[in-house]
Amino acid sequence: MDEQANGASGTGQDGQQASNQSRRRASESRRAADRRGRDRRGVLDRRTGLDRRRGPGRRRTEDRRSAEEGEMTPEQFEFLVAINEYKRVNRRPFPTWTEVLDVMKALGYRKVADPANIR
């Protein structure tokens, strides 16, 4: 009886060791993927000082650069406050694009000119 118990526990240990090894391999591959991802983020070209992710010659506008750094124009801040108010009142943490358009219209935005290039 003791031999059967030892044999069963030995088999269980082998299975557990194999399971631990596969978990360890999966964890190591995730860590390697994280390292690769970290290396790609924020890569600056030393000669130009530009972020290479945007591609050659694609600079941000002054308004966009300021907004990304946390400095907003009064118009941008008004829009942000309106979106946050909409999310709070309607209990919608992630409004749809249609809802965002409704908020913009409520602020008074109307299409008055022909579409321009977005870049």
Foldseek 3Di string as FASTA:
>chain_A
DVVVVVVVVVVVVVVVVVVVVVVVVVVVVVVVVVVVVVVLPPDADVVPRDNPVVPPPDDDDPQVVCVVVPHHDPVVVVLVVLVVVCCVVVVPPDDDVVVSVVSVVVVPDDDDDDDDDPD
